Amino acid sequence: MRLEIETEQLRLIACDRELLGQAIAGDAQLEKYLNVTVPKNWSQFGRRVLRYALEKLQADEASLGWWTYFPIHKADNVLIGSGGYQGRPNLDGAVEIGYEIRKEHRNRGLATELARGLINHAFAQAEVKLIRAYTLGVVNASTQVLTKCGLTKTSELADQENGQIWRWELQRANWSKR
């Protein structure tokens, strides 16, 4: 049985090894396997992140559900990006989320809905105490999504690849399921 997170407009499908393999093989394979429309350029991150998630799942099968999810827009049965976690919660109960929505589906509240779905799912697990995310160090669409989801900017960090980045956090005690 496939792990899915259901939101109002989205089905977030957890990627197991087979699904990641299909996605890595190509869009036509993925489209047929999921029975959804897979548009060109549905992900800005490409296959590299899918291979990384597959390697992590192969090394730790019990981490299923703590890596990549594919958001399917229910109204038109189309894959609209990707999202998920950066692995299982750490020893302090923190888990990092990330997400992307393809350009054609932006500015409709779908990134916020995707992030909320991931947050609600994570906090439904007793071991999760903190949600964390990172953005570029400027106000942008992602900072607005995180703010809408209740995360607060907690620090500014220097990153060799991206310059200044901001860390965002939401404690379980401050979470209200929306």
Protein backbone atom coordinates (compact mmCIF):
# COMPACT_ATOMS: atom_id res chain seq x y z
CA MET A 1 0.00 0.00 0.00
CA ARG A 2 1.34 3.42 -1.02
CA LEU A 3 1.82 6.15 1.60
CA GLU A 4 -0.07 9.32 0.65
CA ILE A 5 -0.81 12.61 2.33
CA GLU A 6 -4.16 14.03 1.32
CA THR A 7 -4.85 17.78 1.27
CA GLU A 8 -7.76 19.71 -0.21
CA GLN A 9 -6.28 20.04 -3.70
CA LEU A 10 -3.33 17.64 -3.61
CA ARG A 11 -2.35 14.03 -3.20
CA LEU A 12 1.23 13.83 -1.95
CA ILE A 13 2.60 10.44 -2.94
CA ALA A 14 5.58 9.17 -0.94
CA CYS A 15 8.29 7.84 -3.22
CA ASP A 16 9.42 4.30 -2.52
CA ARG A 17 12.35 2.70 -4.35
CA GLU A 18 10.19 1.58 -7.28
CA LEU A 19 8.59 5.00 -7.78
CA LEU A 20 11.97 6.76 -7.60
CA GLY A 21 13.34 4.28 -10.13
CA GLN A 22 10.47 5.05 -12.51
CA ALA A 23 11.03 8.81 -12.09
CA ILE A 24 14.75 8.45 -12.75
CA ALA A 25 14.02 6.37 -15.86
CA GLY A 26 12.10 9.27 -17.40
CA ASP A 27 8.87 11.21 -17.55
CA ALA A 28 7.10 8.72 -19.84
CA GLN A 29 7.84 5.89 -17.41
CA LEU A 30 6.69 7.96 -14.45
CA GLU A 31 3.52 9.05 -16.22
CA LYS A 32 2.57 5.47 -17.02
CA TYR A 33 3.49 4.17 -13.55
CA LEU A 34 1.48 6.79 -11.65
CA ASN A 35 -1.28 7.17 -14.26
CA VAL A 36 -0.97 10.96 -14.11
CA THR A 37 0.12 13.66 -16.51
CA VAL A 38 3.83 14.41 -16.13
CA PRO A 39 4.61 17.72 -17.84
CA LYS A 40 8.05 18.68 -19.13
CA ASN A 41 10.15 20.52 -16.56
CA TRP A 42 8.00 19.43 -13.62
CA SER A 43 11.09 19.72 -11.39
CA GLN A 44 13.79 22.36 -11.39
CA PHE A 45 16.11 20.06 -9.42
CA GLY A 46 16.29 17.24 -11.96
CA ARG A 47 17.14 13.59 -11.43
CA ARG A 48 20.11 14.22 -9.11
CA VAL A 49 17.90 14.68 -6.02
CA LEU A 50 15.86 11.61 -6.97
CA ARG A 51 19.01 9.49 -7.16
CA TYR A 52 20.09 10.83 -3.76
CA ALA A 53 16.72 9.90 -2.20
CA LEU A 54 16.90 6.46 -3.81
CA GLU A 55 20.38 5.88 -2.34
CA LYS A 56 19.11 6.89 1.10
CA LEU A 57 16.10 4.55 0.85
CA GLN A 58 18.26 1.68 -0.32
CA ALA A 59 20.54 2.21 2.70
CA ASP A 60 17.62 2.51 5.15
CA GLU A 61 14.29 1.06 4.00
CA ALA A 62 12.70 2.17 7.30
CA SER A 63 13.15 5.81 6.20
CA LEU A 64 10.31 5.41 3.69
CA GLY A 65 8.07 8.46 4.00
CA TRP A 66 10.93 10.71 5.14
CA TRP A 67 12.26 11.64 1.70
CA THR A 68 10.58 12.61 -1.57
CA TYR A 69 6.87 13.15 -2.23
CA PHE A 70 5.23 13.86 -5.57
CA PRO A 71 2.33 16.35 -5.37
CA ILE A 72 -0.48 15.47 -7.74
CA HIS A 73 -3.00 18.22 -8.40
CA LYS A 74 -6.33 16.44 -8.01
CA ALA A 75 -8.40 18.64 -10.33
CA ASP A 76 -6.34 17.83 -13.43
CA ASN A 77 -4.37 14.74 -12.28
CA VAL A 78 -1.00 16.34 -13.02
CA LEU A 79 2.35 16.16 -11.25
CA ILE A 80 3.13 19.73 -10.21
CA GLY A 81 6.56 19.53 -8.53
CA SER A 82 8.14 17.71 -5.62
CA GLY A 83 8.63 18.07 -1.91
CA GLY A 84 9.40 16.15 1.20
CA TYR A 85 11.84 15.83 4.03
CA GLN A 86 15.61 15.61 4.34
CA GLY A 87 15.43 12.26 6.08
CA ARG A 88 14.06 11.04 9.36
CA PRO A 89 13.84 13.30 12.41
CA ASN A 90 17.21 13.77 14.12
CA LEU A 91 17.84 12.92 17.78
CA ASP A 92 16.33 16.25 18.85
CA GLY A 93 13.14 15.51 16.90
CA ALA A 94 13.86 18.04 14.13
CA VAL A 95 12.98 17.38 10.51
CA GLU A 96 13.68 19.58 7.50
CA ILE A 97 11.12 20.19 4.75
CA GLY A 98 11.56 21.36 1.18
CA TYR A 99 9.23 21.83 -1.77
CA GLU A 100 8.91 23.14 -5.30
CA ILE A 101 5.95 23.89 -7.55
CA ARG A 102 6.34 24.09 -11.31
CA LYS A 103 6.00 27.55 -12.73
CA GLU A 104 2.62 26.97 -14.38
CA HIS A 105 1.01 26.06 -11.04
CA ARG A 106 2.47 28.85 -8.90
CA ASN A 107 0.52 31.68 -7.24
CA ARG A 108 -2.47 29.45 -6.48
CA GLY A 109 -1.66 28.56 -2.86
CA LEU A 110 -0.41 25.11 -3.83
CA ALA A 111 3.09 25.53 -2.37
CA THR A 112 1.52 26.58 0.94
CA GLU A 113 -0.83 23.60 0.80
CA LEU A 114 2.07 21.25 0.01
CA ALA A 115 4.17 22.64 2.88
CA ARG A 116 1.22 22.43 5.32
CA GLY A 117 0.58 18.85 4.28
CA LEU A 118 4.20 17.95 5.02
CA ILE A 119 4.15 19.83 8.33
CA ASN A 120 0.89 18.25 9.49
CA HIS A 121 2.11 14.79 8.52
CA ALA A 122 5.42 15.28 10.35
CA PHE A 123 3.79 16.58 13.54
CA ALA A 124 1.41 13.60 13.47
CA GLN A 125 4.52 11.53 14.29
CA ALA A 126 5.21 11.67 18.04
CA GLU A 127 8.99 11.92 17.62
CA VAL A 128 8.81 15.17 15.61
CA LYS A 129 9.24 18.25 17.80
CA LEU A 130 10.50 20.81 15.27
CA ILE A 131 10.07 21.59 11.58
CA ARG A 132 12.97 23.36 9.89
CA ALA A 133 13.39 24.87 6.41
CA TYR A 134 15.96 27.00 4.62
CA THR A 135 15.50 29.75 2.02
CA LEU A 136 17.68 32.19 0.18
CA GLY A 137 18.37 35.23 2.35
CA VAL A 138 15.82 37.50 0.69
CA VAL A 139 12.07 37.89 0.92
CA ASN A 140 10.59 35.67 -1.79
CA ALA A 141 7.74 33.27 -2.50
CA SER A 142 9.23 30.57 -0.24
CA THR A 143 9.59 32.94 2.71
CA GLN A 144 5.94 33.89 2.27
CA VAL A 145 4.89 30.21 2.18
CA LEU A 146 6.81 29.44 5.35
CA THR A 147 5.38 32.48 7.13
CA LYS A 148 1.84 31.43 6.16
CA CYS A 149 2.59 27.97 7.57
CA GLY A 150 3.65 29.44 10.92
CA LEU A 151 7.44 29.13 10.62
CA THR A 152 9.63 31.92 11.95
CA LYS A 153 13.03 33.02 10.66
CA THR A 154 15.45 32.03 13.41
CA SER A 155 18.87 32.77 11.93
CA GLU A 156 20.90 33.96 8.96
CA LEU A 157 23.72 31.76 7.72
CA ALA A 158 26.46 32.00 5.11
CA ASP A 159 26.38 29.25 2.49
CA GLN A 160 29.26 28.71 0.05
CA GLU A 161 26.94 27.85 -2.85
CA ASN A 162 23.99 30.16 -2.23
CA GLY A 163 25.37 33.11 -0.26
CA GLN A 164 23.21 34.19 2.64
CA ILE A 165 20.45 31.78 3.63
CA TRP A 166 17.76 31.99 6.29
CA ARG A 167 16.79 29.19 8.66
CA TRP A 168 13.10 28.89 9.51
CA GLU A 169 11.57 26.85 12.35
CA LEU A 170 8.25 25.81 13.81
CA GLN A 171 8.08 24.17 17.25
CA ARG A 172 5.36 21.59 17.87
CA ALA A 173 4.14 23.75 20.78
CA ASN A 174 3.42 26.61 18.31
CA TRP A 175 1.77 24.45 15.65
CA SER A 176 -1.90 24.54 14.87
CA LYS A 177 -3.16 22.13 12.25
CA ARG A 178 -4.76 24.14 9.43
